[in-house]
Amino acid sequence: MNEMLYQDQPVVAPEVLEALAQKTDVNRLLAALSDLDADELRRMLRALDRSRAPVQPPPINSDLYEIEAELSPDEREIVLRWRSFLRAEVAPIANTYWERGEFPMQIIPKLGALVMETIGKGQTHYPRMSPLLAGMLTCEVARVDPSLCSFLGVHRRLCMTSIWLFGSQAQKDRWLPAMLRFEKIGSWVLSEPLVGSGAARGLLTTARRDGDTWVLNGQKKWSGNATFADVNCIWAKNLETGQVNGFLVERGTPGYHVEKIHDKISKRIVQNVVITLEDCRVPEANRLPGAQSFDDVARQLTNARADVAWEALGIARGAYEHALAYALQREQFGRKIAAFQVQQINLARMLGNVTAMQGMLVQLARLMERNGGQIAPEQASLAKAWCTERMRETVAIARAMLGGNGILLEHNVARLFADAESVYSYEGSFEINSLIVGKAITGYSAFV
């Protein structure tokens, strides 16, 4: 043993040696230590000091590259307002309503007030905001509750936007002011029980002109909000032209039947339905005059896919934050699991996914801003496909990090894990969006 290391050091108290002897073979320990040189012993002592020192973790931050700094001060204030609202009003009830499979109707007036104080302030028909702010708000909502994100997406991104883009002025004046204030709620549906990804090849739901009315027949599936929506934007095939037209079907219209879908394992708060249309008569005044073909629907879905990519980012951020919070408080083998190498590697992988998604989507928002709100189909599809893949990987890592607790709602990760499956599938599956990109970059269409 290096004698210089112990110069001027106090003699070890007998009670210390006695306590040590109860834990290990002191002679063997001293023999092993005697083989170390002074530098090795100093490093060991420093490591022991560090392991005993209390660790104060930094605040949880899923914006490592400071993406939110890209927002203007006013936009940043809006994001903070929404973040505060979601934490106070939505986070405490999300798991309860998810387990029940019910929608918290009491939240709707509060959402309306929030919108009118922020993105709807000074507007009469439609919220105005930059593509970046719109994406950031979608991310914020999904970060707390993806089901609420779907409610807002169906109401604003799909139904309100269809009326805004394709509706007559009379339709806009009738519906949009009340929908902006959340006094009227919208739904929207393209998919059918037998038609999902193949919607572009033709719908089975039909629309037949009869004087000043249209007669709708067929079935639609997955329409969100439809159990309580005041108006549903339904897409059907015009029997005369063979093209896809849009119709505003009001709640209570004869021949319009709604049946809630039960037994879902994902987005249980969302009120999805099967709609049966039996000689449902809709006045010509309720047909969207600006939508003449499926190409018009596809144009709207391009931007919707970009918004879903932002939703995927929000889910990934939420999963990372919950997993990190859990790792910082959960102890195993006498240590916080956040101190273990394998969990730090998992956390770094998740944060890497989140950060890469943020970078991609900020650039997509810039492209949209530059091009008057429009992006190419392949740009939106690449974002939707790639971000939902990264989201899926991130929530899977988070769920595994929590072990058995990862399947319990109380830690929130289980809900995000399950809800991610819906986001991965809707607004075009991973495969469909990949084929849209593939066609754009090769010139060959690989669709069957």
Protein backbone atom coordinates (compact mmCIF):
# COMPACT_ATOMS: atom_id res chain seq x y z
CA MET A 1 0.00 0.00 0.00
CA ASN A 2 1.30 3.45 -0.87
CA GLU A 3 2.18 5.01 2.52
CA MET A 4 2.11 8.56 1.10
CA LEU A 5 -1.64 8.20 0.54
CA TYR A 6 -2.23 7.87 4.27
CA GLN A 7 0.05 10.57 5.65
CA ASP A 8 -1.79 12.74 8.17
CA GLN A 9 -4.92 10.59 7.82
CA PRO A 10 -6.82 9.68 11.05
CA VAL A 11 -6.80 6.10 12.26
CA VAL A 12 -9.92 4.18 11.20
CA ALA A 13 -12.36 3.98 14.07
CA PRO A 14 -13.03 0.43 15.38
CA GLU A 15 -16.79 0.79 14.84
CA VAL A 16 -16.18 1.55 11.15
CA LEU A 17 -14.12 -1.62 10.77
CA GLU A 18 -16.75 -3.57 12.62
CA ALA A 19 -19.52 -2.30 10.34
CA LEU A 20 -17.38 -3.07 7.32
CA ALA A 21 -16.68 -6.57 8.57
CA GLN A 22 -20.40 -7.26 8.72
CA LYS A 23 -20.67 -6.55 5.00
CA THR A 24 -17.54 -8.15 3.55
CA ASP A 25 -14.28 -9.96 4.23
CA VAL A 26 -12.14 -7.05 5.44
CA ASN A 27 -8.85 -8.91 4.98
CA ARG A 28 -9.65 -9.73 1.37
CA LEU A 29 -10.80 -6.17 0.76
CA LEU A 30 -7.61 -4.69 2.21
CA ALA A 31 -5.51 -7.16 0.25
CA ALA A 32 -7.22 -6.11 -2.98
CA LEU A 33 -6.83 -2.43 -2.18
CA SER A 34 -3.15 -2.92 -1.39
CA ASP A 35 -2.55 -3.94 -5.01
CA LEU A 36 -3.80 -0.58 -6.30
CA ASP A 37 -1.51 2.39 -6.76
CA ALA A 38 -2.24 5.85 -5.36
CA ASP A 39 -3.88 7.19 -8.55
CA GLU A 40 -6.22 4.21 -8.78
CA LEU A 41 -7.22 4.63 -5.15
CA ARG A 42 -7.88 8.34 -5.63
CA ARG A 43 -10.10 7.62 -8.65
CA MET A 44 -12.00 5.02 -6.64
CA LEU A 45 -12.55 7.47 -3.79
CA ARG A 46 -13.77 10.16 -6.17
CA ALA A 47 -16.19 7.68 -7.77
CA LEU A 48 -17.48 6.71 -4.34
CA ASP A 49 -17.94 10.36 -3.41
CA ARG A 50 -19.89 10.98 -6.62
CA SER A 51 -22.10 7.94 -6.08
CA ARG A 52 -22.98 9.13 -2.58
CA ALA A 53 -23.57 12.75 -3.54
CA PRO A 54 -27.25 13.64 -4.11
CA VAL A 55 -28.09 14.25 -7.77
CA GLN A 56 -30.43 17.08 -8.74
CA PRO A 57 -31.73 16.15 -12.21
CA PRO A 58 -32.21 19.02 -14.68
CA PRO A 59 -35.76 19.92 -15.75
CA ILE A 60 -37.27 17.51 -18.26
CA ASN A 61 -36.79 19.02 -21.71
CA SER A 62 -37.87 17.38 -24.96
CA ASP A 63 -36.84 20.41 -27.05
CA LEU A 64 -33.08 19.93 -26.90
CA TYR A 65 -32.41 21.90 -30.09
CA GLU A 66 -34.70 24.77 -29.02
CA ILE A 67 -37.15 24.37 -31.88
CA GLU A 68 -39.76 26.47 -30.08
CA ALA A 69 -37.42 29.45 -30.44
CA GLU A 70 -38.43 29.50 -34.12
CA LEU A 71 -41.82 30.89 -33.04
CA SER A 72 -42.47 34.61 -32.75
CA PRO A 73 -43.00 35.97 -29.21
CA ASP A 74 -46.76 36.17 -29.79
CA GLU A 75 -46.85 32.61 -31.13
CA ARG A 76 -44.77 31.40 -28.21
CA GLU A 77 -47.28 32.96 -25.82
CA ILE A 78 -50.12 31.10 -27.57
CA VAL A 79 -48.27 27.78 -27.22
CA LEU A 80 -47.73 28.43 -23.52
CA ARG A 81 -51.43 29.27 -23.07
CA TRP A 82 -52.44 25.99 -24.70
CA ARG A 83 -49.82 24.06 -22.72
CA SER A 84 -51.12 25.45 -19.45
CA PHE A 85 -54.73 24.67 -20.41
CA LEU A 86 -53.93 21.09 -21.41
CA ARG A 87 -52.03 20.40 -18.20
CA ALA A 88 -54.77 21.85 -16.02
CA GLU A 89 -57.92 20.70 -17.83
CA VAL A 90 -57.05 17.64 -19.91
CA ALA A 91 -54.16 15.75 -18.34
CA PRO A 92 -56.01 15.02 -15.05
CA ILE A 93 -59.00 13.40 -16.80
CA ALA A 94 -57.49 11.78 -19.90
CA ASN A 95 -56.93 8.31 -18.45
CA THR A 96 -60.36 8.16 -16.83
CA TYR A 97 -62.23 9.00 -20.03
CA TRP A 98 -59.93 6.78 -22.11
CA GLU A 99 -60.79 3.80 -19.90
CA ARG A 100 -64.52 4.60 -20.09
CA GLY A 101 -64.42 5.11 -23.84
CA GLU A 102 -66.29 8.37 -23.41
CA PHE A 103 -65.68 11.94 -24.57
CA PRO A 104 -65.48 14.69 -21.89
CA MET A 105 -68.19 16.95 -23.28
CA GLN A 106 -67.54 19.54 -20.56
CA ILE A 107 -64.23 20.38 -22.21
CA ILE A 108 -65.82 21.71 -25.43
CA PRO A 109 -66.92 25.17 -24.17
CA LYS A 110 -63.52 25.62 -22.53
CA LEU A 111 -61.79 24.77 -25.80
CA GLY A 112 -63.99 27.28 -27.59
CA ALA A 113 -63.01 30.00 -25.15
CA LEU A 114 -59.32 29.12 -25.50
CA VAL A 115 -59.53 29.26 -29.29
CA MET A 116 -61.25 32.63 -29.30
CA GLU A 117 -58.62 34.01 -26.93
CA THR A 118 -55.73 32.76 -29.07
CA ILE A 119 -55.82 31.48 -32.67
CA GLY A 120 -59.41 32.63 -33.29
CA LYS A 121 -58.96 36.10 -31.83
CA GLY A 122 -60.23 38.71 -34.29
CA GLN A 123 -61.50 36.04 -36.70
CA THR A 124 -65.11 35.38 -37.68
CA HIS A 125 -64.96 32.19 -39.76
CA TYR A 126 -61.65 30.37 -39.59
CA PRO A 127 -58.56 30.46 -37.34
CA ARG A 128 -55.52 32.08 -38.94
CA MET A 129 -52.00 31.05 -37.96
CA SER A 130 -48.65 30.18 -39.46
CA PRO A 131 -48.00 26.56 -40.47
CA LEU A 132 -45.36 26.37 -37.73
CA LEU A 133 -47.74 27.53 -35.00
CA ALA A 134 -50.45 25.17 -36.27
CA GLY A 135 -48.02 22.26 -36.12
CA MET A 136 -46.72 23.22 -32.67
CA LEU A 137 -50.27 23.35 -31.28
CA THR A 138 -51.07 19.94 -32.75
CA CYS A 139 -47.91 18.64 -31.09
CA GLU A 140 -48.89 20.18 -27.74
CA VAL A 141 -52.32 18.57 -27.75
CA ALA A 142 -51.05 15.13 -28.80
CA ARG A 143 -48.34 15.32 -26.17
CA VAL A 144 -51.07 15.30 -23.50
CA ASP A 145 -53.93 13.41 -25.18
CA PRO A 146 -53.95 12.10 -28.76
CA SER A 147 -57.71 11.52 -28.59
CA LEU A 148 -58.34 15.23 -28.04
CA CYS A 149 -55.97 15.86 -30.93
CA SER A 150 -58.27 13.75 -33.14
CA PHE A 151 -61.34 15.61 -31.92
CA LEU A 152 -59.76 18.92 -32.88
CA GLY A 153 -58.34 17.53 -36.11
CA VAL A 154 -61.69 16.19 -37.33
CA HIS A 155 -63.55 19.34 -36.27
CA ARG A 156 -61.12 21.94 -37.61
CA ARG A 157 -58.59 20.32 -39.92
CA LEU A 158 -61.14 18.22 -41.80
CA CYS A 159 -64.72 19.48 -41.44
CA MET A 160 -64.12 23.22 -41.06
CA THR A 161 -61.38 23.16 -43.69
CA SER A 162 -63.63 21.36 -46.19
CA ILE A 163 -66.27 24.06 -45.74
CA TRP A 164 -63.60 26.78 -45.91
CA LEU A 165 -62.02 25.39 -49.09
CA PHE A 166 -65.01 24.00 -50.97
CA GLY A 167 -68.12 25.55 -49.45
CA SER A 168 -70.32 28.32 -50.80
CA GLN A 169 -70.34 31.65 -49.03
CA ALA A 170 -73.74 30.81 -47.59
CA GLN A 171 -72.37 27.54 -46.18
CA LYS A 172 -69.37 29.30 -44.71
CA ASP A 173 -71.55 31.96 -43.09
CA ARG A 174 -73.96 29.39 -41.70
CA TRP A 175 -71.47 26.96 -40.17
CA LEU A 176 -68.00 28.39 -39.66
CA PRO A 177 -68.61 31.20 -37.10
CA ALA A 178 -70.37 28.79 -34.72
CA MET A 179 -67.80 26.07 -35.36
CA LEU A 180 -64.97 28.50 -34.68
CA ARG A 181 -66.50 29.15 -31.25
CA PHE A 182 -67.17 25.40 -30.74
CA GLU A 183 -70.89 26.08 -30.50
CA LYS A 184 -71.36 23.67 -33.40
CA ILE A 185 -69.19 20.56 -33.80
CA GLY A 186 -68.17 18.98 -37.08
CA SER A 187 -67.39 15.48 -38.29
CA TRP A 188 -65.93 14.21 -41.56
CA VAL A 189 -65.74 10.84 -43.29
CA LEU A 190 -64.23 9.35 -46.42
CA SER A 191 -63.55 5.72 -45.41
CA GLU A 192 -66.10 2.94 -45.69
CA PRO A 193 -66.41 -0.56 -44.22
CA LEU A 194 -65.08 -2.02 -47.48
CA VAL A 195 -63.02 0.94 -48.70
CA GLY A 196 -59.99 2.24 -46.80
CA SER A 197 -56.69 2.79 -48.59
CA GLY A 198 -58.42 2.23 -51.94
CA ALA A 199 -60.66 5.30 -51.65
CA ALA A 200 -58.94 6.92 -54.62
CA ARG A 201 -60.12 4.04 -56.83
CA GLY A 202 -63.75 4.59 -55.98
CA LEU A 203 -66.27 4.86 -53.16
CA LEU A 204 -69.27 2.56 -52.71
CA THR A 205 -71.42 5.24 -51.06
CA THR A 206 -73.44 6.94 -53.79
CA ALA A 207 -75.17 10.26 -54.37
CA ARG A 208 -78.05 10.52 -56.87
CA ARG A 209 -79.52 13.86 -57.95
CA ASP A 210 -83.30 14.14 -57.59
CA GLY A 211 -84.45 17.65 -58.42
CA ASP A 212 -83.15 20.03 -55.75
CA THR A 213 -82.03 17.20 -53.45
CA TRP A 214 -79.42 14.45 -53.40
CA VAL A 215 -80.20 10.93 -52.25
CA LEU A 216 -77.30 9.29 -50.40
CA ASN A 217 -76.99 5.53 -49.91
CA GLY A 218 -74.23 3.42 -48.45
CA GLN A 219 -72.10 3.08 -45.35
CA LYS A 220 -69.18 5.07 -43.96
CA LYS A 221 -66.78 4.07 -41.19
CA TRP A 222 -64.49 5.68 -38.58
CA SER A 223 -66.10 9.13 -38.65
CA GLY A 224 -64.86 10.83 -35.46
CA ASN A 225 -67.08 13.05 -33.27
CA ALA A 226 -70.11 11.72 -35.15
CA THR A 227 -72.12 10.61 -32.11
CA PHE A 228 -72.59 14.25 -31.13
CA ALA A 229 -71.54 16.30 -34.19
CA ASP A 230 -74.00 18.86 -35.56
CA VAL A 231 -72.83 18.41 -39.15
CA ASN A 232 -70.91 15.70 -40.96
CA CYS A 233 -68.98 16.25 -44.17
CA ILE A 234 -69.64 13.02 -46.08
CA TRP A 235 -67.95 12.10 -49.34
CA ALA A 236 -69.84 10.01 -51.90
CA LYS A 237 -69.67 9.02 -55.56
CA ASN A 238 -71.88 11.06 -57.88
CA LEU A 239 -73.76 8.43 -59.91
CA GLU A 240 -74.07 10.76 -62.90
CA THR A 241 -70.44 11.89 -63.21
CA GLY A 242 -68.64 9.12 -61.34
CA GLN A 243 -66.74 11.79 -59.41
CA VAL A 244 -66.48 12.27 -55.64
CA ASN A 245 -68.64 15.03 -54.17
CA GLY A 246 -68.92 16.33 -50.62
CA PHE A 247 -72.20 16.80 -48.71
CA LEU A 248 -72.98 18.48 -45.39
CA VAL A 249 -75.33 16.08 -43.62
CA GLU A 250 -76.94 17.54 -40.52
CA ARG A 251 -77.67 15.59 -37.36
CA GLY A 252 -81.22 14.33 -37.32
CA THR A 253 -81.55 14.10 -41.10
CA PRO A 254 -83.92 11.22 -41.98
CA GLY A 255 -82.00 8.23 -43.32
CA TYR A 256 -78.80 9.20 -41.51
CA HIS A 257 -78.02 6.54 -38.87
CA VAL A 258 -75.00 6.58 -36.55
CA GLU A 259 -73.71 3.57 -34.56
CA LYS A 260 -70.78 3.96 -32.18
CA ILE A 261 -67.84 1.60 -32.64
CA HIS A 262 -67.03 -0.21 -29.39
CA ASP A 263 -64.15 -2.40 -28.16
CA LYS A 264 -61.33 -0.24 -29.53
CA ILE A 265 -57.84 -0.54 -28.05
CA SER A 266 -56.69 2.83 -29.37
CA LYS A 267 -57.97 6.41 -29.06
CA ARG A 268 -60.85 5.22 -26.93
CA ILE A 269 -61.97 8.76 -26.14
CA VAL A 270 -62.64 9.43 -29.85
CA GLN A 271 -66.25 8.69 -30.74
CA ASN A 272 -65.82 6.74 -33.97
CA VAL A 273 -68.91 5.41 -35.73
CA VAL A 274 -70.34 3.42 -38.58
CA ILE A 275 -72.78 5.54 -40.58
CA THR A 276 -75.60 3.99 -42.58
CA LEU A 277 -77.22 6.16 -45.23
CA GLU A 278 -80.62 4.90 -46.36
CA ASP A 279 -82.20 7.15 -48.98
CA CYS A 280 -80.82 10.07 -46.98
CA ARG A 281 -82.06 13.20 -48.72
CA VAL A 282 -79.76 16.21 -48.63
CA PRO A 283 -80.64 19.55 -50.27
CA GLU A 284 -78.49 20.86 -53.11
CA ALA A 285 -77.69 23.78 -50.80
CA ASN A 286 -75.73 21.31 -48.63
CA ARG A 287 -73.48 20.05 -51.44
CA LEU A 288 -69.98 21.52 -51.34
CA PRO A 289 -69.82 23.25 -54.75
CA GLY A 290 -66.04 23.61 -54.80
CA ALA A 291 -65.34 19.88 -54.56
CA GLN A 292 -65.67 18.31 -57.98
CA SER A 293 -63.49 15.19 -57.75
CA PHE A 294 -61.30 13.05 -55.53
CA ASP A 295 -58.38 15.32 -56.50
CA ASP A 296 -59.93 18.04 -54.35
CA VAL A 297 -60.15 15.66 -51.38
CA ALA A 298 -56.56 14.57 -51.98
CA ARG A 299 -55.39 18.19 -51.92
CA GLN A 300 -56.95 18.64 -48.50
CA LEU A 301 -55.54 15.32 -47.25
CA THR A 302 -52.02 16.37 -48.23
CA ASN A 303 -51.99 19.10 -45.59
CA ALA A 304 -53.85 16.85 -43.16
CA ARG A 305 -51.04 14.29 -43.42
CA ALA A 306 -48.52 16.92 -42.48
CA ASP A 307 -50.61 17.73 -39.41
CA VAL A 308 -50.70 14.04 -38.45
CA ALA A 309 -46.89 14.02 -38.60
CA TRP A 310 -46.94 16.79 -35.99
CA GLU A 311 -49.33 14.66 -33.94
CA ALA A 312 -46.83 11.78 -34.10
CA LEU A 313 -44.16 14.15 -32.79
CA GLY A 314 -46.40 15.13 -29.88
CA ILE A 315 -47.01 11.52 -28.91
CA ALA A 316 -43.28 10.77 -29.08
CA ARG A 317 -42.50 13.82 -26.92
CA GLY A 318 -45.09 12.82 -24.36
CA ALA A 319 -43.79 9.24 -24.19
CA TYR A 320 -40.20 10.42 -23.78
CA GLU A 321 -41.13 12.88 -21.03
CA HIS A 322 -43.19 10.33 -19.08
CA ALA A 323 -40.48 7.68 -19.42
CA LEU A 324 -37.79 10.08 -18.22
CA ALA A 325 -39.92 11.22 -15.27
CA TYR A 326 -40.49 7.59 -14.32
CA ALA A 327 -36.79 6.72 -14.63
CA LEU A 328 -35.86 9.62 -12.35
CA GLN A 329 -38.10 8.40 -9.51
CA ARG A 330 -38.05 4.60 -9.93
CA GLU A 331 -35.40 2.74 -7.89
CA GLN A 332 -34.04 -0.75 -8.48
CA PHE A 333 -30.91 -2.34 -6.99
CA GLY A 334 -30.54 0.67 -4.74
CA ARG A 335 -30.29 3.24 -7.54
CA LYS A 336 -32.57 5.34 -9.71
CA ILE A 337 -33.00 3.49 -12.99
CA ALA A 338 -32.11 6.74 -14.77
CA ALA A 339 -28.54 6.11 -13.55
CA PHE A 340 -28.23 2.84 -15.49
CA GLN A 341 -26.44 2.86 -18.83
CA VAL A 342 -29.11 0.89 -20.68
CA GLN A 343 -31.84 3.35 -19.69
CA GLN A 344 -29.75 6.38 -20.59
CA ILE A 345 -29.16 4.82 -24.02
CA ASN A 346 -32.92 4.26 -24.38
CA LEU A 347 -33.62 7.86 -23.40
CA ALA A 348 -31.03 9.15 -25.86
CA ARG A 349 -32.61 7.10 -28.66
CA MET A 350 -36.04 8.50 -27.86
CA LEU A 351 -34.79 12.07 -27.68
CA GLY A 352 -32.91 11.55 -30.94
CA ASN A 353 -36.15 10.49 -32.63
CA VAL A 354 -38.01 13.46 -31.19
CA THR A 355 -35.32 15.91 -32.26
CA ALA A 356 -35.06 14.51 -35.79
CA MET A 357 -38.83 14.69 -36.19
CA GLN A 358 -38.82 18.30 -34.98
CA GLY A 359 -36.19 19.26 -37.54
CA MET A 360 -38.06 17.62 -40.40
CA LEU A 361 -41.39 19.19 -39.49
CA VAL A 362 -40.03 22.69 -38.95
CA GLN A 363 -38.62 22.57 -42.49
CA LEU A 364 -41.95 21.23 -43.79
CA ALA A 365 -43.69 24.19 -42.13
CA ARG A 366 -41.22 26.55 -43.81
CA LEU A 367 -42.00 24.99 -47.20
CA MET A 368 -45.71 25.43 -46.55
CA GLU A 369 -45.21 29.06 -45.54
CA ARG A 370 -43.11 29.72 -48.63
CA ASN A 371 -45.65 28.11 -50.98
CA GLY A 372 -48.80 29.80 -49.78
CA GLY A 373 -49.91 27.02 -47.48
CA GLN A 374 -49.35 24.19 -49.94
CA ILE A 375 -46.82 21.35 -50.06
CA ALA A 376 -46.26 18.52 -52.52
CA PRO A 377 -48.01 15.20 -51.78
CA GLU A 378 -44.69 13.39 -51.50
CA GLN A 379 -43.41 15.93 -48.97
CA ALA A 380 -46.42 15.39 -46.73
CA SER A 381 -46.40 11.63 -47.21
CA LEU A 382 -42.72 11.28 -46.36
CA ALA A 383 -43.27 13.24 -43.14
CA LYS A 384 -46.34 11.21 -42.19
CA ALA A 385 -44.73 7.84 -42.91
CA TRP A 386 -41.33 8.54 -41.36
CA CYS A 387 -42.55 10.42 -38.29
CA THR A 388 -45.13 7.77 -37.43
CA GLU A 389 -42.43 5.10 -37.69
CA ARG A 390 -40.19 7.04 -35.31
CA MET A 391 -43.18 7.65 -33.01
CA ARG A 392 -43.94 3.94 -32.94
CA GLU A 393 -40.36 3.12 -32.03
CA THR A 394 -40.29 5.78 -29.33
CA VAL A 395 -43.46 4.71 -27.56
CA ALA A 396 -42.30 1.09 -27.67
CA ILE A 397 -39.02 2.00 -25.95
CA ALA A 398 -40.90 4.04 -23.36
CA ARG A 399 -43.35 1.24 -22.64
CA ALA A 400 -40.51 -1.27 -22.23
CA MET A 401 -38.61 1.06 -19.90
CA LEU A 402 -41.53 0.99 -17.48
CA GLY A 403 -41.59 -2.80 -17.38
CA GLY A 404 -44.86 -4.15 -16.00
CA ASN A 405 -45.93 -0.62 -15.05
CA GLY A 406 -45.80 0.23 -18.73
CA ILE A 407 -49.19 -1.40 -19.28
CA LEU A 408 -50.92 0.65 -16.58
CA LEU A 409 -52.79 3.84 -17.46
CA GLU A 410 -51.58 5.63 -14.33
CA HIS A 411 -48.17 6.29 -15.89
CA ASN A 412 -49.69 7.60 -19.19
CA VAL A 413 -47.23 5.75 -21.43
CA ALA A 414 -49.66 2.85 -21.98
CA ARG A 415 -52.30 5.25 -23.37
CA LEU A 416 -49.79 6.91 -25.70
CA PHE A 417 -48.49 3.49 -26.76
CA ALA A 418 -51.99 2.33 -27.70
CA ASP A 419 -53.05 5.61 -29.32
CA ALA A 420 -49.94 5.62 -31.50
CA GLU A 421 -51.36 2.67 -33.45
CA SER A 422 -54.24 4.79 -34.73
CA VAL A 423 -51.90 7.57 -35.81
CA TYR A 424 -49.69 5.07 -37.60
CA SER A 425 -52.71 3.86 -39.60
CA TYR A 426 -54.93 6.81 -40.47
CA GLU A 427 -54.46 9.56 -43.07
CA GLY A 428 -52.82 6.93 -45.25
CA SER A 429 -51.01 3.89 -43.91
CA PHE A 430 -47.22 3.73 -43.81
CA GLU A 431 -47.25 1.66 -46.99
CA ILE A 432 -49.58 3.94 -48.94
CA ASN A 433 -47.62 7.05 -48.02
CA SER A 434 -44.35 5.30 -48.87
CA LEU A 435 -45.72 4.42 -52.32
CA ILE A 436 -46.70 8.06 -52.89
CA VAL A 437 -43.08 8.99 -52.18
CA GLY A 438 -41.84 6.11 -54.29
CA LYS A 439 -43.85 7.23 -57.31
CA ALA A 440 -42.56 10.80 -56.94
CA ILE A 441 -38.90 9.81 -56.80
CA THR A 442 -38.90 7.02 -59.45
CA GLY A 443 -41.67 8.02 -61.83
CA TYR A 444 -43.22 4.56 -61.51
CA SER A 445 -46.56 3.92 -59.83
CA ALA A 446 -46.41 0.76 -57.73
CA PHE A 447 -50.06 0.94 -56.62
CA VAL A 448 -51.97 -2.24 -57.46
